[in-house]
mmCIF file of all heavy atoms, coordinates in Angstrom:
data_MODEL
# 
_entry.id   MODEL 
# 
loop_
_atom_site.group_PDB 
_atom_site.id 
_atom_site.type_symbol 
_atom_site.label_atom_id 
_atom_site.label_alt_id 
_atom_site.label_comp_id 
_atom_site.label_asym_id 
_atom_site.label_entity_id 
_atom_site.label_seq_id 
_atom_site.pdbx_PDB_ins_code 
_atom_site.Cartn_x 
_atom_site.Cartn_y 
_atom_site.Cartn_z 
_atom_site.occupancy 
_atom_site.B_iso_or_equiv 
_atom_site.pdbx_formal_charge 
_atom_site.auth_seq_id 
_atom_site.auth_comp_id 
_atom_site.auth_asym_id 
_atom_site.auth_atom_id 
_atom_site.pdbx_PDB_model_num 
ATOM 1   N N   . SER A 1 1  ? -12.770 -16.542 -21.365 1.00 0.00 ? 1  SER A N   1 
ATOM 2   C CA  . SER A 1 1  ? -12.389 -17.089 -22.615 1.00 0.00 ? 1  SER A CA  1 
ATOM 3   C C   . SER A 1 1  ? -13.572 -16.892 -23.611 1.00 0.00 ? 1  SER A C   1 
ATOM 4   O O   . SER A 1 1  ? -13.338 -16.669 -24.812 1.00 0.00 ? 1  SER A O   1 
ATOM 5   C CB  . SER A 1 1  ? -12.181 -18.520 -22.478 1.00 0.00 ? 1  SER A CB  1 
ATOM 6   O OG  . SER A 1 1  ? -13.247 -19.329 -22.019 1.00 0.00 ? 1  SER A OG  1 
ATOM 7   N N   . HIS A 1 2  ? -14.853 -16.818 -23.070 1.00 0.00 ? 2  HIS A N   1 
ATOM 8   C CA  . HIS A 1 2  ? -15.901 -16.499 -23.966 1.00 0.00 ? 2  HIS A CA  1 
ATOM 9   C C   . HIS A 1 2  ? -15.808 -15.125 -24.452 1.00 0.00 ? 2  HIS A C   1 
ATOM 10  O O   . HIS A 1 2  ? -16.074 -14.878 -25.737 1.00 0.00 ? 2  HIS A O   1 
ATOM 11  C CB  . HIS A 1 2  ? -17.269 -16.767 -23.207 1.00 0.00 ? 2  HIS A CB  1 
ATOM 12  C CG  . HIS A 1 2  ? -18.420 -16.397 -23.966 1.00 0.00 ? 2  HIS A CG  1 
ATOM 13  N ND1 . HIS A 1 2  ? -18.988 -17.177 -25.006 1.00 0.00 ? 2  HIS A ND1 1 
ATOM 14  C CD2 . HIS A 1 2  ? -19.254 -15.240 -23.945 1.00 0.00 ? 2  HIS A CD2 1 
ATOM 15  C CE1 . HIS A 1 2  ? -20.064 -16.557 -25.516 1.00 0.00 ? 2  HIS A CE1 1 
ATOM 16  N NE2 . HIS A 1 2  ? -20.253 -15.421 -24.908 1.00 0.00 ? 2  HIS A NE2 1 
ATOM 17  N N   . TRP A 1 3  ? -15.467 -14.155 -23.615 1.00 0.00 ? 3  TRP A N   1 
ATOM 18  C CA  . TRP A 1 3  ? -15.263 -12.760 -24.050 1.00 0.00 ? 3  TRP A CA  1 
ATOM 19  C C   . TRP A 1 3  ? -14.119 -12.632 -25.059 1.00 0.00 ? 3  TRP A C   1 
ATOM 20  O O   . TRP A 1 3  ? -14.331 -11.922 -26.082 1.00 0.00 ? 3  TRP A O   1 
ATOM 21  C CB  . TRP A 1 3  ? -14.971 -11.898 -22.761 1.00 0.00 ? 3  TRP A CB  1 
ATOM 22  C CG  . TRP A 1 3  ? -14.634 -10.487 -23.047 1.00 0.00 ? 3  TRP A CG  1 
ATOM 23  C CD1 . TRP A 1 3  ? -15.571 -9.500  -23.218 1.00 0.00 ? 3  TRP A CD1 1 
ATOM 24  C CD2 . TRP A 1 3  ? -13.359 -9.962  -23.234 1.00 0.00 ? 3  TRP A CD2 1 
ATOM 25  N NE1 . TRP A 1 3  ? -14.980 -8.336  -23.510 1.00 0.00 ? 3  TRP A NE1 1 
ATOM 26  C CE2 . TRP A 1 3  ? -13.569 -8.505  -23.438 1.00 0.00 ? 3  TRP A CE2 1 
ATOM 27  C CE3 . TRP A 1 3  ? -12.089 -10.439 -23.235 1.00 0.00 ? 3  TRP A CE3 1 
ATOM 28  C CZ2 . TRP A 1 3  ? -12.535 -7.647  -23.738 1.00 0.00 ? 3  TRP A CZ2 1 
ATOM 29  C CZ3 . TRP A 1 3  ? -11.071 -9.479  -23.352 1.00 0.00 ? 3  TRP A CZ3 1 
ATOM 30  C CH2 . TRP A 1 3  ? -11.261 -8.196  -23.614 1.00 0.00 ? 3  TRP A CH2 1 
ATOM 31  N N   . VAL A 1 4  ? -13.105 -13.299 -24.814 1.00 0.00 ? 4  VAL A N   1 
ATOM 32  C CA  . VAL A 1 4  ? -11.938 -13.291 -25.822 1.00 0.00 ? 4  VAL A CA  1 
ATOM 33  C C   . VAL A 1 4  ? -12.340 -13.779 -27.143 1.00 0.00 ? 4  VAL A C   1 
ATOM 34  O O   . VAL A 1 4  ? -12.069 -13.224 -28.187 1.00 0.00 ? 4  VAL A O   1 
ATOM 35  C CB  . VAL A 1 4  ? -10.754 -14.039 -25.256 1.00 0.00 ? 4  VAL A CB  1 
ATOM 36  C CG1 . VAL A 1 4  ? -9.678  -14.105 -26.442 1.00 0.00 ? 4  VAL A CG1 1 
ATOM 37  C CG2 . VAL A 1 4  ? -10.163 -13.376 -24.089 1.00 0.00 ? 4  VAL A CG2 1 
ATOM 38  N N   . THR A 1 5  ? -13.106 -14.952 -27.112 1.00 0.00 ? 5  THR A N   1 
ATOM 39  C CA  . THR A 1 5  ? -13.549 -15.562 -28.434 1.00 0.00 ? 5  THR A CA  1 
ATOM 40  C C   . THR A 1 5  ? -14.513 -14.584 -29.176 1.00 0.00 ? 5  THR A C   1 
ATOM 41  O O   . THR A 1 5  ? -14.412 -14.473 -30.399 1.00 0.00 ? 5  THR A O   1 
ATOM 42  C CB  . THR A 1 5  ? -14.246 -16.920 -28.100 1.00 0.00 ? 5  THR A CB  1 
ATOM 43  O OG1 . THR A 1 5  ? -13.348 -17.695 -27.412 1.00 0.00 ? 5  THR A OG1 1 
ATOM 44  C CG2 . THR A 1 5  ? -14.674 -17.591 -29.394 1.00 0.00 ? 5  THR A CG2 1 
ATOM 45  N N   . GLU A 1 6  ? -15.392 -13.951 -28.409 1.00 0.00 ? 6  GLU A N   1 
ATOM 46  C CA  . GLU A 1 6  ? -16.281 -13.049 -29.083 1.00 0.00 ? 6  GLU A CA  1 
ATOM 47  C C   . GLU A 1 6  ? -15.622 -11.775 -29.596 1.00 0.00 ? 6  GLU A C   1 
ATOM 48  O O   . GLU A 1 6  ? -15.942 -11.282 -30.673 1.00 0.00 ? 6  GLU A O   1 
ATOM 49  C CB  . GLU A 1 6  ? -17.381 -12.648 -28.076 1.00 0.00 ? 6  GLU A CB  1 
ATOM 50  C CG  . GLU A 1 6  ? -18.372 -13.837 -27.725 1.00 0.00 ? 6  GLU A CG  1 
ATOM 51  C CD  . GLU A 1 6  ? -19.342 -14.156 -28.908 1.00 0.00 ? 6  GLU A CD  1 
ATOM 52  O OE1 . GLU A 1 6  ? -19.743 -13.157 -29.480 1.00 0.00 ? 6  GLU A OE1 1 
ATOM 53  O OE2 . GLU A 1 6  ? -19.520 -15.313 -29.103 1.00 0.00 ? 6  GLU A OE2 1 
ATOM 54  N N   . LYS A 1 7  ? -14.742 -11.184 -28.776 1.00 0.00 ? 7  LYS A N   1 
ATOM 55  C CA  . LYS A 1 7  ? -14.056 -9.857  -29.234 1.00 0.00 ? 7  LYS A CA  1 
ATOM 56  C C   . LYS A 1 7  ? -12.851 -10.037 -30.177 1.00 0.00 ? 7  LYS A C   1 
ATOM 57  O O   . LYS A 1 7  ? -12.679 -9.239  -31.004 1.00 0.00 ? 7  LYS A O   1 
ATOM 58  C CB  . LYS A 1 7  ? -13.727 -9.136  -27.940 1.00 0.00 ? 7  LYS A CB  1 
ATOM 59  C CG  . LYS A 1 7  ? -13.447 -7.658  -28.126 1.00 0.00 ? 7  LYS A CG  1 
ATOM 60  C CD  . LYS A 1 7  ? -13.248 -6.978  -26.888 1.00 0.00 ? 7  LYS A CD  1 
ATOM 61  C CE  . LYS A 1 7  ? -13.153 -5.484  -27.055 1.00 0.00 ? 7  LYS A CE  1 
ATOM 62  N NZ  . LYS A 1 7  ? -14.429 -4.845  -27.601 1.00 0.00 ? 7  LYS A NZ  1 
ATOM 63  N N   . PHE A 1 8  ? -12.119 -11.123 -29.989 1.00 0.00 ? 8  PHE A N   1 
ATOM 64  C CA  . PHE A 1 8  ? -10.928 -11.337 -30.791 1.00 0.00 ? 8  PHE A CA  1 
ATOM 65  C C   . PHE A 1 8  ? -10.949 -12.777 -31.316 1.00 0.00 ? 8  PHE A C   1 
ATOM 66  O O   . PHE A 1 8  ? -10.086 -13.637 -30.902 1.00 0.00 ? 8  PHE A O   1 
ATOM 67  C CB  . PHE A 1 8  ? -9.678  -11.055 -30.049 1.00 0.00 ? 8  PHE A CB  1 
ATOM 68  C CG  . PHE A 1 8  ? -9.600  -9.643  -29.404 1.00 0.00 ? 8  PHE A CG  1 
ATOM 69  C CD1 . PHE A 1 8  ? -9.918  -9.458  -28.003 1.00 0.00 ? 8  PHE A CD1 1 
ATOM 70  C CD2 . PHE A 1 8  ? -9.214  -8.628  -30.109 1.00 0.00 ? 8  PHE A CD2 1 
ATOM 71  C CE1 . PHE A 1 8  ? -9.829  -8.253  -27.418 1.00 0.00 ? 8  PHE A CE1 1 
ATOM 72  C CE2 . PHE A 1 8  ? -9.123  -7.379  -29.636 1.00 0.00 ? 8  PHE A CE2 1 
ATOM 73  C CZ  . PHE A 1 8  ? -9.511  -7.155  -28.203 1.00 0.00 ? 8  PHE A CZ  1 
ATOM 74  N N   . PRO A 1 9  ? -11.841 -13.119 -32.218 1.00 0.00 ? 9  PRO A N   1 
ATOM 75  C CA  . PRO A 1 9  ? -11.943 -14.465 -32.748 1.00 0.00 ? 9  PRO A CA  1 
ATOM 76  C C   . PRO A 1 9  ? -10.774 -14.852 -33.481 1.00 0.00 ? 9  PRO A C   1 
ATOM 77  O O   . PRO A 1 9  ? -10.165 -14.090 -34.271 1.00 0.00 ? 9  PRO A O   1 
ATOM 78  C CB  . PRO A 1 9  ? -13.176 -14.443 -33.685 1.00 0.00 ? 9  PRO A CB  1 
ATOM 79  C CG  . PRO A 1 9  ? -13.328 -12.935 -34.111 1.00 0.00 ? 9  PRO A CG  1 
ATOM 80  C CD  . PRO A 1 9  ? -12.858 -12.173 -32.826 1.00 0.00 ? 9  PRO A CD  1 
ATOM 81  N N   . GLY A 1 10 ? -10.195 -16.103 -33.109 1.00 0.00 ? 10 GLY A N   1 
ATOM 82  C CA  . GLY A 1 10 ? -9.071  -16.601 -33.859 1.00 0.00 ? 10 GLY A CA  1 
ATOM 83  C C   . GLY A 1 10 ? -7.761  -16.059 -33.362 1.00 0.00 ? 10 GLY A C   1 
ATOM 84  O O   . GLY A 1 10 ? -6.697  -16.377 -33.853 1.00 0.00 ? 10 GLY A O   1 
ATOM 85  N N   . ALA A 1 11 ? -7.701  -15.211 -32.343 1.00 0.00 ? 11 ALA A N   1 
ATOM 86  C CA  . ALA A 1 11 ? -6.521  -14.589 -31.775 1.00 0.00 ? 11 ALA A CA  1 
ATOM 87  C C   . ALA A 1 11 ? -5.663  -15.687 -31.159 1.00 0.00 ? 11 ALA A C   1 
ATOM 88  O O   . ALA A 1 11 ? -6.110  -16.561 -30.470 1.00 0.00 ? 11 ALA A O   1 
ATOM 89  C CB  . ALA A 1 11 ? -6.774  -13.447 -30.873 1.00 0.00 ? 11 ALA A CB  1 
ATOM 90  N N   . LYS A 1 12 ? -4.275  -15.440 -31.208 1.00 0.00 ? 12 LYS A N   1 
ATOM 91  C CA  . LYS A 1 12 ? -3.382  -16.382 -30.549 1.00 0.00 ? 12 LYS A CA  1 
ATOM 92  C C   . LYS A 1 12 ? -3.174  -15.870 -29.158 1.00 0.00 ? 12 LYS A C   1 
ATOM 93  O O   . LYS A 1 12 ? -2.986  -14.623 -28.899 1.00 0.00 ? 12 LYS A O   1 
ATOM 94  C CB  . LYS A 1 12 ? -2.032  -16.313 -31.372 1.00 0.00 ? 12 LYS A CB  1 
ATOM 95  C CG  . LYS A 1 12 ? -0.979  -17.324 -30.772 1.00 0.00 ? 12 LYS A CG  1 
ATOM 96  C CD  . LYS A 1 12 ? 0.236   -17.262 -31.651 1.00 0.00 ? 12 LYS A CD  1 
ATOM 97  C CE  . LYS A 1 12 ? 1.376   -18.066 -31.004 1.00 0.00 ? 12 LYS A CE  1 
ATOM 98  N NZ  . LYS A 1 12 ? 2.563   -18.071 -31.871 1.00 0.00 ? 12 LYS A NZ  1 
ATOM 99  N N   . TRP A 1 13 ? -3.134  -16.827 -28.211 1.00 0.00 ? 13 TRP A N   1 
ATOM 100 C CA  . TRP A 1 13 ? -2.945  -16.492 -26.785 1.00 0.00 ? 13 TRP A CA  1 
ATOM 101 C C   . TRP A 1 13 ? -1.465  -16.629 -26.407 1.00 0.00 ? 13 TRP A C   1 
ATOM 102 O O   . TRP A 1 13 ? -0.892  -17.685 -26.685 1.00 0.00 ? 13 TRP A O   1 
ATOM 103 C CB  . TRP A 1 13 ? -3.750  -17.445 -25.868 1.00 0.00 ? 13 TRP A CB  1 
ATOM 104 C CG  . TRP A 1 13 ? -5.222  -17.276 -25.973 1.00 0.00 ? 13 TRP A CG  1 
ATOM 105 C CD1 . TRP A 1 13 ? -6.031  -17.250 -27.170 1.00 0.00 ? 13 TRP A CD1 1 
ATOM 106 C CD2 . TRP A 1 13 ? -6.161  -17.189 -24.903 1.00 0.00 ? 13 TRP A CD2 1 
ATOM 107 N NE1 . TRP A 1 13 ? -7.298  -17.221 -26.791 1.00 0.00 ? 13 TRP A NE1 1 
ATOM 108 C CE2 . TRP A 1 13 ? -7.408  -17.160 -25.445 1.00 0.00 ? 13 TRP A CE2 1 
ATOM 109 C CE3 . TRP A 1 13 ? -5.992  -17.222 -23.507 1.00 0.00 ? 13 TRP A CE3 1 
ATOM 110 C CZ2 . TRP A 1 13 ? -8.635  -17.061 -24.667 1.00 0.00 ? 13 TRP A CZ2 1 
ATOM 111 C CZ3 . TRP A 1 13 ? -7.152  -17.159 -22.675 1.00 0.00 ? 13 TRP A CZ3 1 
ATOM 112 C CH2 . TRP A 1 13 ? -8.387  -17.032 -23.290 1.00 0.00 ? 13 TRP A CH2 1 
ATOM 113 N N   . LEU A 1 14 ? -0.868  -15.649 -25.766 1.00 0.00 ? 14 LEU A N   1 
ATOM 114 C CA  . LEU A 1 14 ? 0.475   -15.781 -25.194 1.00 0.00 ? 14 LEU A CA  1 
ATOM 115 C C   . LEU A 1 14 ? 0.345   -15.338 -23.726 1.00 0.00 ? 14 LEU A C   1 
ATOM 116 O O   . LEU A 1 14 ? 0.178   -14.206 -23.421 1.00 0.00 ? 14 LEU A O   1 
ATOM 117 C CB  . LEU A 1 14 ? 1.436   -14.754 -25.957 1.00 0.00 ? 14 LEU A CB  1 
ATOM 118 C CG  . LEU A 1 14 ? 1.450   -14.889 -27.518 1.00 0.00 ? 14 LEU A CG  1 
ATOM 119 C CD1 . LEU A 1 14 ? 2.380   -13.834 -28.124 1.00 0.00 ? 14 LEU A CD1 1 
ATOM 120 C CD2 . LEU A 1 14 ? 2.146   -16.284 -27.876 1.00 0.00 ? 14 LEU A CD2 1 
ATOM 121 N N   . THR A 1 15 ? 0.559   -16.353 -22.874 1.00 0.00 ? 15 THR A N   1 
ATOM 122 C CA  . THR A 1 15 ? 0.352   -16.150 -21.464 1.00 0.00 ? 15 THR A CA  1 
ATOM 123 C C   . THR A 1 15 ? 1.735   -15.965 -20.782 1.00 0.00 ? 15 THR A C   1 
ATOM 124 O O   . THR A 1 15 ? 2.761   -16.586 -21.242 1.00 0.00 ? 15 THR A O   1 
ATOM 125 C CB  . THR A 1 15 ? -0.323  -17.276 -20.828 1.00 0.00 ? 15 THR A CB  1 
ATOM 126 O OG1 . THR A 1 15 ? 0.265   -18.462 -20.891 1.00 0.00 ? 15 THR A OG1 1 
ATOM 127 C CG2 . THR A 1 15 ? -1.859  -17.485 -21.399 1.00 0.00 ? 15 THR A CG2 1 
ATOM 128 N N   . GLU A 1 16 ? 1.749   -15.142 -19.697 1.00 0.00 ? 16 GLU A N   1 
ATOM 129 C CA  . GLU A 1 16 ? 3.041   -14.980 -18.875 1.00 0.00 ? 16 GLU A CA  1 
ATOM 130 C C   . GLU A 1 16 ? 4.118   -14.625 -19.952 1.00 0.00 ? 16 GLU A C   1 
ATOM 131 O O   . GLU A 1 16 ? 5.235   -15.212 -19.830 1.00 0.00 ? 16 GLU A O   1 
ATOM 132 C CB  . GLU A 1 16 ? 3.397   -16.232 -18.134 1.00 0.00 ? 16 GLU A CB  1 
ATOM 133 C CG  . GLU A 1 16 ? 2.268   -16.545 -17.064 1.00 0.00 ? 16 GLU A CG  1 
ATOM 134 C CD  . GLU A 1 16 ? 2.099   -15.461 -15.995 1.00 0.00 ? 16 GLU A CD  1 
ATOM 135 O OE1 . GLU A 1 16 ? 3.049   -14.713 -15.763 1.00 0.00 ? 16 GLU A OE1 1 
ATOM 136 O OE2 . GLU A 1 16 ? 0.999   -15.391 -15.381 1.00 0.00 ? 16 GLU A OE2 1 
ATOM 137 N N   . LEU A 1 17 ? 3.951   -13.601 -20.721 1.00 0.00 ? 17 LEU A N   1 
ATOM 138 C CA  . LEU A 1 17 ? 4.890   -13.231 -21.753 1.00 0.00 ? 17 LEU A CA  1 
ATOM 139 C C   . LEU A 1 17 ? 5.956   -12.365 -21.222 1.00 0.00 ? 17 LEU A C   1 
ATOM 140 O O   . LEU A 1 17 ? 5.650   -11.221 -20.677 1.00 0.00 ? 17 LEU A O   1 
ATOM 141 C CB  . LEU A 1 17 ? 4.267   -12.595 -22.951 1.00 0.00 ? 17 LEU A CB  1 
ATOM 142 C CG  . LEU A 1 17 ? 5.084   -12.125 -24.080 1.00 0.00 ? 17 LEU A CG  1 
ATOM 143 C CD1 . LEU A 1 17 ? 5.598   -13.292 -24.811 1.00 0.00 ? 17 LEU A CD1 1 
ATOM 144 C CD2 . LEU A 1 17 ? 4.293   -11.268 -25.081 1.00 0.00 ? 17 LEU A CD2 1 
ATOM 145 N N   . SER A 1 18 ? 7.199   -12.730 -21.169 1.00 0.00 ? 18 SER A N   1 
ATOM 146 C CA  . SER A 1 18 ? 8.313   -11.859 -20.680 1.00 0.00 ? 18 SER A CA  1 
ATOM 147 C C   . SER A 1 18 ? 8.468   -10.820 -21.714 1.00 0.00 ? 18 SER A C   1 
ATOM 148 O O   . SER A 1 18 ? 8.544   -11.018 -22.915 1.00 0.00 ? 18 SER A O   1 
ATOM 149 C CB  . SER A 1 18 ? 9.605   -12.752 -20.592 1.00 0.00 ? 18 SER A CB  1 
ATOM 150 O OG  . SER A 1 18 ? 9.471   -13.820 -19.632 1.00 0.00 ? 18 SER A OG  1 
ATOM 151 N N   . VAL A 1 19 ? 8.678   -9.609  -21.217 1.00 0.00 ? 19 VAL A N   1 
ATOM 152 C CA  . VAL A 1 19 ? 8.886   -8.468  -22.066 1.00 0.00 ? 19 VAL A CA  1 
ATOM 153 C C   . VAL A 1 19 ? 9.978   -7.590  -21.560 1.00 0.00 ? 19 VAL A C   1 
ATOM 154 O O   . VAL A 1 19 ? 10.150  -7.331  -20.380 1.00 0.00 ? 19 VAL A O   1 
ATOM 155 C CB  . VAL A 1 19 ? 7.512   -7.657  -22.254 1.00 0.00 ? 19 VAL A CB  1 
ATOM 156 C CG1 . VAL A 1 19 ? 7.134   -7.184  -20.807 1.00 0.00 ? 19 VAL A CG1 1 
ATOM 157 C CG2 . VAL A 1 19 ? 7.658   -6.567  -23.122 1.00 0.00 ? 19 VAL A CG2 1 
ATOM 158 N N   . SER A 1 20 ? 10.671  -6.952  -22.405 1.00 0.00 ? 20 SER A N   1 
ATOM 159 C CA  . SER A 1 20 ? 11.768  -5.989  -22.059 1.00 0.00 ? 20 SER A CA  1 
ATOM 160 C C   . SER A 1 20 ? 11.894  -5.005  -23.221 1.00 0.00 ? 20 SER A C   1 
ATOM 161 O O   . SER A 1 20 ? 11.642  -5.357  -24.455 1.00 0.00 ? 20 SER A O   1 
ATOM 162 C CB  . SER A 1 20 ? 13.125  -6.622  -21.817 1.00 0.00 ? 20 SER A CB  1 
ATOM 163 O OG  . SER A 1 20 ? 13.669  -7.254  -22.916 1.00 0.00 ? 20 SER A OG  1 
ATOM 164 N N   . GLY A 1 21 ? 12.257  -3.792  -22.797 1.00 0.00 ? 21 GLY A N   1 
ATOM 165 C CA  . GLY A 1 21 ? 12.283  -2.745  -23.934 1.00 0.00 ? 21 GLY A CA  1 
ATOM 166 C C   . GLY A 1 21 ? 12.800  -1.387  -23.260 1.00 0.00 ? 21 GLY A C   1 
ATOM 167 O O   . GLY A 1 21 ? 12.735  -1.240  -22.124 1.00 0.00 ? 21 GLY A O   1 
ATOM 168 N N   . PRO A 1 22 ? 13.130  -0.459  -24.110 1.00 0.00 ? 22 PRO A N   1 
ATOM 169 C CA  . PRO A 1 22 ? 13.579  0.758   -23.616 1.00 0.00 ? 22 PRO A CA  1 
ATOM 170 C C   . PRO A 1 22 ? 12.558  1.581   -22.874 1.00 0.00 ? 22 PRO A C   1 
ATOM 171 O O   . PRO A 1 22 ? 11.406  1.511   -23.192 1.00 0.00 ? 22 PRO A O   1 
ATOM 172 C CB  . PRO A 1 22 ? 14.032  1.530   -24.965 1.00 0.00 ? 22 PRO A CB  1 
ATOM 173 C CG  . PRO A 1 22 ? 13.244  0.875   -26.019 1.00 0.00 ? 22 PRO A CG  1 
ATOM 174 C CD  . PRO A 1 22 ? 13.011  -0.561  -25.564 1.00 0.00 ? 22 PRO A CD  1 
ATOM 175 N N   . ARG A 1 23 ? 13.044  2.272   -21.795 1.00 0.00 ? 23 ARG A N   1 
ATOM 176 C CA  . ARG A 1 23 ? 12.245  3.196   -21.082 1.00 0.00 ? 23 ARG A CA  1 
ATOM 177 C C   . ARG A 1 23 ? 12.517  4.564   -21.414 1.00 0.00 ? 23 ARG A C   1 
ATOM 178 O O   . ARG A 1 23 ? 13.642  5.062   -21.304 1.00 0.00 ? 23 ARG A O   1 
ATOM 179 C CB  . ARG A 1 23 ? 12.463  2.905   -19.570 1.00 0.00 ? 23 ARG A CB  1 
ATOM 180 C CG  . ARG A 1 23 ? 11.673  3.697   -18.572 1.00 0.00 ? 23 ARG A CG  1 
ATOM 181 C CD  . ARG A 1 23 ? 11.956  3.126   -17.184 1.00 0.00 ? 23 ARG A CD  1 
ATOM 182 N NE  . ARG A 1 23 ? 11.342  3.990   -16.121 1.00 0.00 ? 23 ARG A NE  1 
ATOM 183 C CZ  . ARG A 1 23 ? 11.990  4.881   -15.427 1.00 0.00 ? 23 ARG A CZ  1 
ATOM 184 N NH1 . ARG A 1 23 ? 13.273  5.133   -15.670 1.00 0.00 ? 23 ARG A NH1 1 
ATOM 185 N NH2 . ARG A 1 23 ? 11.311  5.572   -14.478 1.00 0.00 ? 23 ARG A NH2 1 
ATOM 186 N N   . THR A 1 24 ? 11.522  5.391   -21.665 1.00 0.00 ? 24 THR A N   1 
ATOM 187 C CA  . THR A 1 24 ? 11.666  6.804   -22.088 1.00 0.00 ? 24 THR A CA  1 
ATOM 188 C C   . THR A 1 24 ? 12.497  7.612   -21.055 1.00 0.00 ? 24 THR A C   1 
ATOM 189 O O   . THR A 1 24 ? 13.382  8.394   -21.458 1.00 0.00 ? 24 THR A O   1 
ATOM 190 C CB  . THR A 1 24 ? 10.359  7.494   -22.413 1.00 0.00 ? 24 THR A CB  1 
ATOM 191 O OG1 . THR A 1 24 ? 9.644   6.720   -23.299 1.00 0.00 ? 24 THR A OG1 1 
ATOM 192 C CG2 . THR A 1 24 ? 10.525  8.919   -22.819 1.00 0.00 ? 24 THR A CG2 1 
# 
């Protein structure tokens, strides 16, 4: 979390995000 705060300050966290999309 310290690394995330330093590298992407203020970024929104989305954990275990379901994803689907077309496959080439």
